[in-house]
PDB file of all heavy atoms in Angstrom:
ATOM      1  N   SER A   1       2.268  12.361 -32.919  1.00  0.00           N
ATOM      2  CA  SER A   1       2.893  11.515 -33.933  1.00  0.00           C
ATOM      3  C   SER A   1       2.117  10.238 -34.181  1.00  0.00           C
ATOM      4  O   SER A   1       2.327   9.556 -35.171  1.00  0.00           O
ATOM      5  CB  SER A   1       4.327  11.168 -33.493  1.00  0.00           C
ATOM      6  OG  SER A   1       4.284  10.430 -32.294  1.00  0.00           O
ATOM      7  N   THR A   2       1.223   9.874 -33.235  1.00  0.00           N
ATOM      8  CA  THR A   2       0.474   8.618 -33.377  1.00  0.00           C
ATOM      9  C   THR A   2      -0.872   8.824 -34.048  1.00  0.00           C
ATOM     10  O   THR A   2      -1.355   7.996 -34.818  1.00  0.00           O
ATOM     11  CB  THR A   2       0.270   7.977 -32.001  1.00  0.00           C
ATOM     12  OG1 THR A   2       1.543   7.851 -31.360  1.00  0.00           O
ATOM     13  CG2 THR A   2      -0.353   6.592 -32.130  1.00  0.00           C
ATOM     14  N   PHE A   3      -1.482   9.918 -33.711  1.00  0.00           N
ATOM     15  CA  PHE A   3      -2.803  10.203 -34.251  1.00  0.00           C
ATOM     16  C   PHE A   3      -2.757  11.473 -35.083  1.00  0.00           C
ATOM     17  O   PHE A   3      -1.913  12.330 -34.867  1.00  0.00           O
ATOM     18  CB  PHE A   3      -3.848  10.370 -33.126  1.00  0.00           C
ATOM     19  CG  PHE A   3      -3.919   9.167 -32.226  1.00  0.00           C
ATOM     20  CD1 PHE A   3      -3.263   9.178 -31.003  1.00  0.00           C
ATOM     21  CD2 PHE A   3      -4.619   8.038 -32.598  1.00  0.00           C
ATOM     22  CE1 PHE A   3      -3.314   8.084 -30.166  1.00  0.00           C
ATOM     23  CE2 PHE A   3      -4.669   6.945 -31.744  1.00  0.00           C
ATOM     24  CZ  PHE A   3      -4.016   6.958 -30.535  1.00  0.00           C
ATOM     25  N   ALA A   4      -3.686  11.582 -35.978  1.00  0.00           N
ATOM     26  CA  ALA A   4      -3.800  12.823 -36.750  1.00  0.00           C
ATOM     27  C   ALA A   4      -4.216  13.929 -35.813  1.00  0.00           C
ATOM     28  O   ALA A   4      -5.017  13.731 -34.899  1.00  0.00           O
ATOM     29  CB  ALA A   4      -4.857  12.663 -37.861  1.00  0.00           C
ATOM     30  N   ALA A   5      -3.663  15.089 -36.057  1.00  0.00           N
ATOM     31  CA  ALA A   5      -3.939  16.206 -35.160  1.00  0.00           C
ATOM     32  C   ALA A   5      -5.412  16.521 -35.091  1.00  0.00           C
ATOM     33  O   ALA A   5      -5.919  16.945 -34.058  1.00  0.00           O
ATOM     34  CB  ALA A   5      -3.154  17.433 -35.625  1.00  0.00           C
ATOM     35  N   SER A   6      -6.121  16.278 -36.178  1.00  0.00           N
ATOM     36  CA  SER A   6      -7.546  16.621 -36.217  1.00  0.00           C
ATOM     37  C   SER A   6      -8.380  15.677 -35.381  1.00  0.00           C
ATOM     38  O   SER A   6      -9.517  15.972 -35.069  1.00  0.00           O
ATOM     39  CB  SER A   6      -8.046  16.595 -37.674  1.00  0.00           C
ATOM     40  OG  SER A   6      -7.865  15.296 -38.225  1.00  0.00           O
ATOM     41  N   THR A   7      -7.803  14.466 -35.007  1.00  0.00           N
ATOM     42  CA  THR A   7      -8.590  13.487 -34.246  1.00  0.00           C
ATOM     43  C   THR A   7      -8.316  13.575 -32.755  1.00  0.00           C
ATOM     44  O   THR A   7      -8.908  12.862 -31.984  1.00  0.00           O
ATOM     45  CB  THR A   7      -8.271  12.064 -34.727  1.00  0.00           C
ATOM     46  OG1 THR A   7      -6.885  11.811 -34.472  1.00  0.00           O
ATOM     47  CG2 THR A   7      -8.550  11.908 -36.204  1.00  0.00           C
ATOM     48  N   VAL A   8      -7.360  14.421 -32.351  1.00  0.00           N
ATOM     49  CA  VAL A   8      -7.022  14.518 -30.939  1.00  0.00           C
ATOM     50  C   VAL A   8      -7.639  15.790 -30.366  1.00  0.00           C
ATOM     51  O   VAL A   8      -7.364  16.886 -30.838  1.00  0.00           O
ATOM     52  CB  VAL A   8      -5.497  14.553 -30.739  1.00  0.00           C
ATOM     53  CG1 VAL A   8      -5.195  14.676 -29.245  1.00  0.00           C
ATOM     54  CG2 VAL A   8      -4.867  13.314 -31.334  1.00  0.00           C
ATOM     55  N   SER A   9      -8.426  15.591 -29.344  1.00  0.00           N
ATOM     56  CA  SER A   9      -9.092  16.735 -28.731  1.00  0.00           C
ATOM     57  C   SER A   9      -8.093  17.589 -27.980  1.00  0.00           C
ATOM     58  O   SER A   9      -7.221  17.068 -27.282  1.00  0.00           O
ATOM     59  CB  SER A   9     -10.175  16.243 -27.761  1.00  0.00           C
ATOM     60  OG  SER A   9     -10.635  17.305 -26.977  1.00  0.00           O
ATOM     61  N   PRO A  10      -8.180  18.886 -28.118  1.00  0.00           N
ATOM     62  CA  PRO A  10      -7.300  19.783 -27.334  1.00  0.00           C
ATOM     63  C   PRO A  10      -7.433  19.542 -25.837  1.00  0.00           C
ATOM     64  O   PRO A  10      -6.496  19.728 -25.087  1.00  0.00           O
ATOM     65  CB  PRO A  10      -7.795  21.174 -27.709  1.00  0.00           C
ATOM     66  CG  PRO A  10      -8.418  20.990 -29.067  1.00  0.00           C
ATOM     67  CD  PRO A  10      -9.050  19.635 -29.040  1.00  0.00           C
ATOM     68  N   LEU A  11      -8.605  19.094 -25.392  1.00  0.00           N
ATOM     69  CA  LEU A  11      -8.795  18.817 -23.971  1.00  0.00           C
ATOM     70  C   LEU A  11      -7.953  17.646 -23.514  1.00  0.00           C
ATOM     71  O   LEU A  11      -7.421  17.617 -22.407  1.00  0.00           O
ATOM     72  CB  LEU A  11     -10.281  18.545 -23.678  1.00  0.00           C
ATOM     73  CG  LEU A  11     -11.234  19.742 -23.833  1.00  0.00           C
ATOM     74  CD1 LEU A  11     -12.680  19.309 -23.592  1.00  0.00           C
ATOM     75  CD2 LEU A  11     -10.842  20.851 -22.863  1.00  0.00           C
ATOM     76  N   ILE A  12      -7.806  16.598 -24.379  1.00  0.00           N
ATOM     77  CA  ILE A  12      -6.992  15.428 -24.039  1.00  0.00           C
ATOM     78  C   ILE A  12      -5.543  15.832 -23.914  1.00  0.00           C
ATOM     79  O   ILE A  12      -4.828  15.442 -22.997  1.00  0.00           O
ATOM     80  CB  ILE A  12      -7.165  14.311 -25.100  1.00  0.00           C
ATOM     81  CG1 ILE A  12      -8.618  13.788 -25.071  1.00  0.00           C
ATOM     82  CG2 ILE A  12      -6.170  13.190 -24.864  1.00  0.00           C
ATOM     83  CD1 ILE A  12      -8.892  12.736 -26.110  1.00  0.00           C
ATOM     84  N   LEU A  13      -5.072  16.638 -24.884  1.00  0.00           N
ATOM     85  CA  LEU A  13      -3.681  17.082 -24.847  1.00  0.00           C
ATOM     86  C   LEU A  13      -3.401  17.885 -23.573  1.00  0.00           C
ATOM     87  O   LEU A  13      -2.347  17.735 -22.944  1.00  0.00           O
ATOM     88  CB  LEU A  13      -3.375  17.948 -26.069  1.00  0.00           C
ATOM     89  CG  LEU A  13      -3.243  17.209 -27.403  1.00  0.00           C
ATOM     90  CD1 LEU A  13      -3.086  18.210 -28.525  1.00  0.00           C
ATOM     91  CD2 LEU A  13      -2.074  16.243 -27.369  1.00  0.00           C
ATOM     92  N   ALA A  14      -4.336  18.699 -23.179  1.00  0.00           N
ATOM     93  CA  ALA A  14      -4.159  19.501 -21.980  1.00  0.00           C
ATOM     94  C   ALA A  14      -4.103  18.626 -20.739  1.00  0.00           C
ATOM     95  O   ALA A  14      -3.310  18.853 -19.829  1.00  0.00           O
ATOM     96  CB  ALA A  14      -5.285  20.524 -21.859  1.00  0.00           C
ATOM     97  N   ALA A  15      -4.959  17.566 -20.715  1.00  0.00           N
ATOM     98  CA  ALA A  15      -4.982  16.662 -19.569  1.00  0.00           C
ATOM     99  C   ALA A  15      -3.680  15.911 -19.443  1.00  0.00           C
ATOM    100  O   ALA A  15      -3.138  15.735 -18.359  1.00  0.00           O
ATOM    101  CB  ALA A  15      -6.163  15.676 -19.698  1.00  0.00           C
ATOM    102  N   VAL A  16      -3.136  15.427 -20.587  1.00  0.00           N
ATOM    103  CA  VAL A  16      -1.875  14.690 -20.579  1.00  0.00           C
ATOM    104  C   VAL A  16      -0.748  15.580 -20.100  1.00  0.00           C
ATOM    105  O   VAL A  16       0.135  15.168 -19.358  1.00  0.00           O
ATOM    106  CB  VAL A  16      -1.567  14.122 -21.977  1.00  0.00           C
ATOM    107  CG1 VAL A  16      -0.144  13.548 -22.014  1.00  0.00           C
ATOM    108  CG2 VAL A  16      -2.585  13.048 -22.341  1.00  0.00           C
ATOM    109  N   SER A  17      -0.769  16.842 -20.505  1.00  0.00           N
ATOM    110  CA  SER A  17       0.281  17.780 -20.099  1.00  0.00           C
ATOM    111  C   SER A  17       0.304  17.950 -18.591  1.00  0.00           C
ATOM    112  O   SER A  17       1.347  18.199 -17.994  1.00  0.00           O
ATOM    113  CB  SER A  17       0.067  19.143 -20.773  1.00  0.00           C
ATOM    114  OG  SER A  17       0.154  19.015 -22.179  1.00  0.00           O
ATOM    115  N   VAL A  18      -0.866  17.818 -17.951  1.00  0.00           N
ATOM    116  CA  VAL A  18      -0.941  17.938 -16.504  1.00  0.00           C
ATOM    117  C   VAL A  18      -0.522  16.652 -15.832  1.00  0.00           C
ATOM    118  O   VAL A  18       0.201  16.633 -14.849  1.00  0.00           O
ATOM    119  CB  VAL A  18      -2.372  18.330 -16.059  1.00  0.00           C
ATOM    120  CG1 VAL A  18      -2.504  18.269 -14.540  1.00  0.00           C
ATOM    121  CG2 VAL A  18      -2.712  19.713 -16.584  1.00  0.00           C
ATOM    122  N   ILE A  19      -0.939  15.499 -16.379  1.00  0.00           N
ATOM    123  CA  ILE A  19      -0.680  14.198 -15.760  1.00  0.00           C
ATOM    124  C   ILE A  19       0.792  13.847 -15.779  1.00  0.00           C
ATOM    125  O   ILE A  19       1.348  13.391 -14.794  1.00  0.00           O
ATOM    126  CB  ILE A  19      -1.501  13.087 -16.463  1.00  0.00           C
ATOM    127  CG1 ILE A  19      -2.995  13.304 -16.208  1.00  0.00           C
ATOM    128  CG2 ILE A  19      -1.061  11.709 -16.001  1.00  0.00           C
ATOM    129  CD1 ILE A  19      -3.892  12.389 -16.998  1.00  0.00           C
ATOM    130  N   VAL A  20       1.469  14.079 -16.908  1.00  0.00           N
ATOM    131  CA  VAL A  20       2.855  13.619 -17.064  1.00  0.00           C
ATOM    132  C   VAL A  20       3.779  14.199 -16.012  1.00  0.00           C
ATOM    133  O   VAL A  20       4.523  13.479 -15.367  1.00  0.00           O
ATOM    134  CB  VAL A  20       3.372  13.922 -18.487  1.00  0.00           C
ATOM    135  CG1 VAL A  20       4.869  13.660 -18.574  1.00  0.00           C
ATOM    136  CG2 VAL A  20       2.618  13.056 -19.501  1.00  0.00           C
ATOM    137  N   PRO A  21       3.788  15.526 -15.769  1.00  0.00           N
ATOM    138  CA  PRO A  21       4.689  16.048 -14.732  1.00  0.00           C
ATOM    139  C   PRO A  21       4.422  15.477 -13.354  1.00  0.00           C
ATOM    140  O   PRO A  21       5.333  15.286 -12.578  1.00  0.00           O
ATOM    141  CB  PRO A  21       4.423  17.554 -14.763  1.00  0.00           C
ATOM    142  CG  PRO A  21       3.893  17.820 -16.138  1.00  0.00           C
ATOM    143  CD  PRO A  21       3.076  16.608 -16.477  1.00  0.00           C
ATOM    144  N   LEU A  22       3.128  15.182 -13.050  1.00  0.00           N
ATOM    145  CA  LEU A  22       2.816  14.643 -11.743  1.00  0.00           C
ATOM    146  C   LEU A  22       3.385  13.258 -11.564  1.00  0.00           C
ATOM    147  O   LEU A  22       3.821  12.886 -10.482  1.00  0.00           O
ATOM    148  CB  LEU A  22       1.291  14.615 -11.535  1.00  0.00           C
ATOM    149  CG  LEU A  22       0.607  15.978 -11.383  1.00  0.00           C
ATOM    150  CD1 LEU A  22      -0.900  15.785 -11.264  1.00  0.00           C
ATOM    151  CD2 LEU A  22       1.158  16.709 -10.159  1.00  0.00           C
ATOM    152  N   THR A  23       3.430  12.443 -12.586  1.00  0.00           N
ATOM    153  CA  THR A  23       3.917  11.073 -12.476  1.00  0.00           C
ATOM    154  C   THR A  23       5.426  11.004 -12.459  1.00  0.00           C
ATOM    155  O   THR A  23       5.989   9.989 -12.101  1.00  0.00           O
ATOM    156  CB  THR A  23       3.382  10.220 -13.643  1.00  0.00           C
ATOM    157  OG1 THR A  23       3.804  10.813 -14.876  1.00  0.00           O
ATOM    158  CG2 THR A  23       1.874  10.125 -13.621  1.00  0.00           C
ATOM    159  N   THR A  24       6.127  12.076 -12.830  1.00  0.00           N
ATOM    160  CA  THR A  24       7.588  12.052 -12.847  1.00  0.00           C
ATOM    161  C   THR A  24       8.183  12.989 -11.808  1.00  0.00           C
ATOM    162  O   THR A  24       9.371  13.211 -11.796  1.00  0.00           O
ATOM    163  CB  THR A  24       8.103  12.470 -14.250  1.00  0.00           C
ATOM    164  OG1 THR A  24       7.618  13.779 -14.546  1.00  0.00           O
ATOM    165  CG2 THR A  24       7.644  11.490 -15.304  1.00  0.00           C
ATOM    166  N   ALA A  25       7.352  13.518 -10.922  1.00  0.00           N
ATOM    167  CA  ALA A  25       7.844  14.468  -9.924  1.00  0.00           C
ATOM    168  C   ALA A  25       8.753  13.773  -8.925  1.00  0.00           C
ATOM    169  O   ALA A  25       8.582  12.597  -8.613  1.00  0.00           O
ATOM    170  CB  ALA A  25       6.659  15.112  -9.186  1.00  0.00           C
ATOM    171  N   THR A  26       9.746  14.493  -8.385  1.00  0.00           N
ATOM    172  CA  THR A  26      10.660  13.951  -7.388  1.00  0.00           C
ATOM    173  C   THR A  26       9.959  13.845  -6.050  1.00  0.00           C
ATOM    174  O   THR A  26       9.276  14.765  -5.606  1.00  0.00           O
ATOM    175  CB  THR A  26      11.887  14.865  -7.227  1.00  0.00           C
ATOM    176  OG1 THR A  26      12.526  14.997  -8.496  1.00  0.00           O
ATOM    177  CG2 THR A  26      12.862  14.282  -6.204  1.00  0.00           C
ATOM    178  N   LYS A  27      10.173  12.697  -5.372  1.00  0.00           N
ATOM    179  CA  LYS A  27       9.540  12.482  -4.078  1.00  0.00           C
ATOM    180  C   LYS A  27      10.131  13.439  -3.046  1.00  0.00           C
ATOM    181  O   LYS A  27      11.333  13.584  -2.954  1.00  0.00           O
ATOM    182  CB  LYS A  27       9.783  11.040  -3.616  1.00  0.00           C
ATOM    183  CG  LYS A  27       9.060  10.699  -2.319  1.00  0.00           C
ATOM    184  CD  LYS A  27       9.323   9.256  -1.948  1.00  0.00           C
ATOM    185  CE  LYS A  27       8.621   8.901  -0.633  1.00  0.00           C
ATOM    186  NZ  LYS A  27       8.849   7.513  -0.239  1.00  0.00           N
ATOM    187  N   PRO A  28       9.295  14.115  -2.252  1.00  0.00           N
ATOM    188  CA  PRO A  28       9.812  15.050  -1.241  1.00  0.00           C
ATOM    189  C   PRO A  28      10.714  14.341  -0.246  1.00  0.00           C
ATOM    190  O   PRO A  28      10.562  13.154   0.023  1.00  0.00           O
ATOM    191  CB  PRO A  28       8.532  15.558  -0.558  1.00  0.00           C
ATOM    192  CG  PRO A  28       7.433  15.281  -1.530  1.00  0.00           C
ATOM    193  CD  PRO A  28       7.836  14.048  -2.267  1.00  0.00           C
ATOM    194  N   THR A  29      11.676  15.064   0.316  1.00  0.00           N
ATOM    195  CA  THR A  29      12.571  14.500   1.313  1.00  0.00           C
ATOM    196  C   THR A  29      11.809  14.152   2.577  1.00  0.00           C
ATOM    197  O   THR A  29      10.992  14.923   3.055  1.00  0.00           O
ATOM    198  CB  THR A  29      13.683  15.514   1.664  1.00  0.00           C
ATOM    199  OG1 THR A  29      14.379  15.848   0.463  1.00  0.00           O
ATOM    200  CG2 THR A  29      14.658  14.927   2.672  1.00  0.00           C
ATOM    201  N   ASP A  30      12.105  12.951   3.097  1.00  0.00           N
ATOM    202  CA  ASP A  30      11.442  12.511   4.315  1.00  0.00           C
ATOM    203  C   ASP A  30      11.944  13.362   5.480  1.00  0.00           C
ATOM    204  O   ASP A  30      13.132  13.360   5.790  1.00  0.00           O
ATOM    205  CB  ASP A  30      11.784  11.036   4.556  1.00  0.00           C
ATOM    206  CG  ASP A  30      11.035  10.457   5.746  1.00  0.00           C
ATOM    207  OD1 ASP A  30      10.473  11.232   6.545  1.00  0.00           O
ATOM    208  OD2 ASP A  30      11.024   9.231   5.885  1.00  0.00           O
ATOM    209  N   PRO A  31      11.072  14.097   6.163  1.00  0.00           N
ATOM    210  CA  PRO A  31      11.528  14.976   7.246  1.00  0.00           C
ATOM    211  C   PRO A  31      12.181  14.225   8.388  1.00  0.00           C
ATOM    212  O   PRO A  31      13.011  14.766   9.110  1.00  0.00           O
ATOM    213  CB  PRO A  31      10.242  15.676   7.703  1.00  0.00           C
ATOM    214  CG  PRO A  31       9.132  14.787   7.244  1.00  0.00           C
ATOM    215  CD  PRO A  31       9.624  14.173   5.960  1.00  0.00           C
ATOM    216  N   THR A  32      11.835  12.935   8.598  1.00  0.00           N
ATOM    217  CA  THR A  32      12.446  12.164   9.675  1.00  0.00           C
ATOM    218  C   THR A  32      13.905  11.875   9.378  1.00  0.00           C
ATOM    219  O   THR A  32      14.718  11.728  10.287  1.00  0.00           O
ATOM    220  CB  THR A  32      11.701  10.840   9.887  1.00  0.00           C
ATOM    221  OG1 THR A  32      11.784  10.053   8.682  1.00  0.00           O
ATOM    222  CG2 THR A  32      10.256  11.066  10.215  1.00  0.00           C
ATOM    223  N   LEU A  33      14.279  11.783   8.101  1.00  0.00           N
ATOM    224  CA  LEU A  33      15.672  11.562   7.742  1.00  0.00           C
ATOM    225  C   LEU A  33      16.492  12.820   7.974  1.00  0.00           C
ATOM    226  O   LEU A  33      17.642  12.762   8.395  1.00  0.00           O
ATOM    227  CB  LEU A  33      15.779  11.130   6.271  1.00  0.00           C
ATOM    228  CG  LEU A  33      15.123   9.795   5.914  1.00  0.00           C
ATOM    229  CD1 LEU A  33      15.301   9.523   4.427  1.00  0.00           C
ATOM    230  CD2 LEU A  33      15.721   8.665   6.726  1.00  0.00           C
ATOM    231  N   VAL A  34      15.903  13.960   7.730  1.00  0.00           N
ATOM    232  CA  VAL A  34      16.606  15.223   7.958  1.00  0.00           C
ATOM    233  C   VAL A  34      16.927  15.396   9.440  1.00  0.00           C
ATOM    234  O   VAL A  34      18.022  15.784   9.818  1.00  0.00           O
ATOM    235  CB  VAL A  34      15.769  16.410   7.450  1.00  0.00           C
ATOM    236  CG1 VAL A  34      16.433  17.733   7.808  1.00  0.00           C
ATOM    237  CG2 VAL A  34      15.576  16.306   5.945  1.00  0.00           C
ATOM    238  N   SER A  35      15.958  15.072  10.304  1.00  0.00           N
ATOM    239  CA  SER A  35      16.156  15.260  11.735  1.00  0.00           C
ATOM    240  C   SER A  35      17.165  14.289  12.304  1.00  0.00           C
ATOM    241  O   SER A  35      17.668  14.488  13.398  1.00  0.00           O
ATOM    242  CB  SER A  35      14.824  15.095  12.486  1.00  0.00           C
ATOM    243  OG  SER A  35      14.340  13.768  12.338  1.00  0.00           O
ATOM    244  N   ALA A  36      17.487  13.207  11.579  1.00  0.00           N
ATOM    245  CA  ALA A  36      18.417  12.196  12.074  1.00  0.00           C
ATOM    246  C   ALA A  36      19.845  12.432  11.613  1.00  0.00           C
ATOM    247  O   ALA A  36      20.723  11.651  11.913  1.00  0.00           O
ATOM    248  CB  ALA A  36      17.950  10.805  11.636  1.00  0.00           C
ATOM    249  N   GLN A  37      20.089  13.505  10.865  1.00  0.00           N
ATOM    250  CA  GLN A  37      21.437  13.782  10.407  1.00  0.00           C
ATOM    251  C   GLN A  37      22.345  14.033  11.605  1.00  0.00           C
ATOM    252  O   GLN A  37      21.996  14.742  12.526  1.00  0.00           O
ATOM    253  CB  GLN A  37      21.449  14.999   9.478  1.00  0.00           C
ATOM    254  CG  GLN A  37      20.793  14.725   8.129  1.00  0.00           C
ATOM    255  CD  GLN A  37      20.772  15.961   7.258  1.00  0.00           C
ATOM    256  OE1 GLN A  37      21.025  17.050   7.731  1.00  0.00           O
ATOM    257  NE2 GLN A  37      20.469  15.788   5.989  1.00  0.00           N
ATOM    258  N   ALA A  38      23.528  13.409  11.578  1.00  0.00           N
ATOM    259  CA  ALA A  38      24.425  13.488  12.721  1.00  0.00           C
ATOM    260  C   ALA A  38      25.788  13.991  12.311  1.00  0.00           C
ATOM    261  O   ALA A  38      26.131  14.034  11.130  1.00  0.00           O
ATOM    262  CB  ALA A  38      24.542  12.115  13.383  1.00  0.00           C
ATOM    263  N   GLY A  39      26.597  14.361  13.304  1.00  0.00           N
ATOM    264  CA  GLY A  39      27.962  14.789  13.072  1.00  0.00           C
ATOM    265  C   GLY A  39      28.769  14.488  14.327  1.00  0.00           C
ATOM    266  O   GLY A  39      28.209  14.162  15.377  1.00  0.00           O
ATOM    267  N   THR A  40      30.091  14.590  14.243  1.00  0.00           N
ATOM    268  CA  THR A  40      30.930  14.290  15.396  1.00  0.00           C
ATOM    269  C   THR A  40      31.816  15.472  15.756  1.00  0.00           C
ATOM    270  O   THR A  40      32.152  16.296  14.908  1.00  0.00           O
ATOM    271  CB  THR A  40      31.815  13.060  15.124  1.00  0.00           C
ATOM    272  OG1 THR A  40      32.652  13.324  13.985  1.00  0.00           O
ATOM    273  CG2 THR A  40      30.975  11.822  14.855  1.00  0.00           C
ATOM    274  N   SER A  41      32.172  15.535  17.021  1.00  0.00           N
ATOM    275  CA  SER A  41      33.109  16.519  17.536  1.00  0.00           C
ATOM    276  C   SER A  41      34.115  15.777  18.406  1.00  0.00           C
ATOM    277  O   SER A  41      33.764  14.809  19.089  1.00  0.00           O
ATOM    278  CB  SER A  41      32.399  17.587  18.373  1.00  0.00           C
ATOM    279  OG  SER A  41      31.461  18.298  17.594  1.00  0.00           O
ATOM    280  N   SER A  42      35.356  16.218  18.362  1.00  0.00           N
ATOM    281  CA  SER A  42      36.414  15.554  19.129  1.00  0.00           C
ATOM    282  C   SER A  42      36.974  16.509  20.176  1.00  0.00           C
ATOM    283  O   SER A  42      37.294  17.658  19.878  1.00  0.00           O
ATOM    284  CB  SER A  42      37.524  15.082  18.189  1.00  0.00           C
ATOM    285  OG  SER A  42      38.519  14.389  18.902  1.00  0.00           O
TER     286      SER A  42
END
């Protein structure tokens, strides 16, 4: 929408398609937090 389609290289579009998902990916769960999960018994 910003540039004319004829001025944008297909290679740039492909690179952006790869970069965007990486920058918005969910951070993996910290394994140390999983091991610290606790519960109680009476």
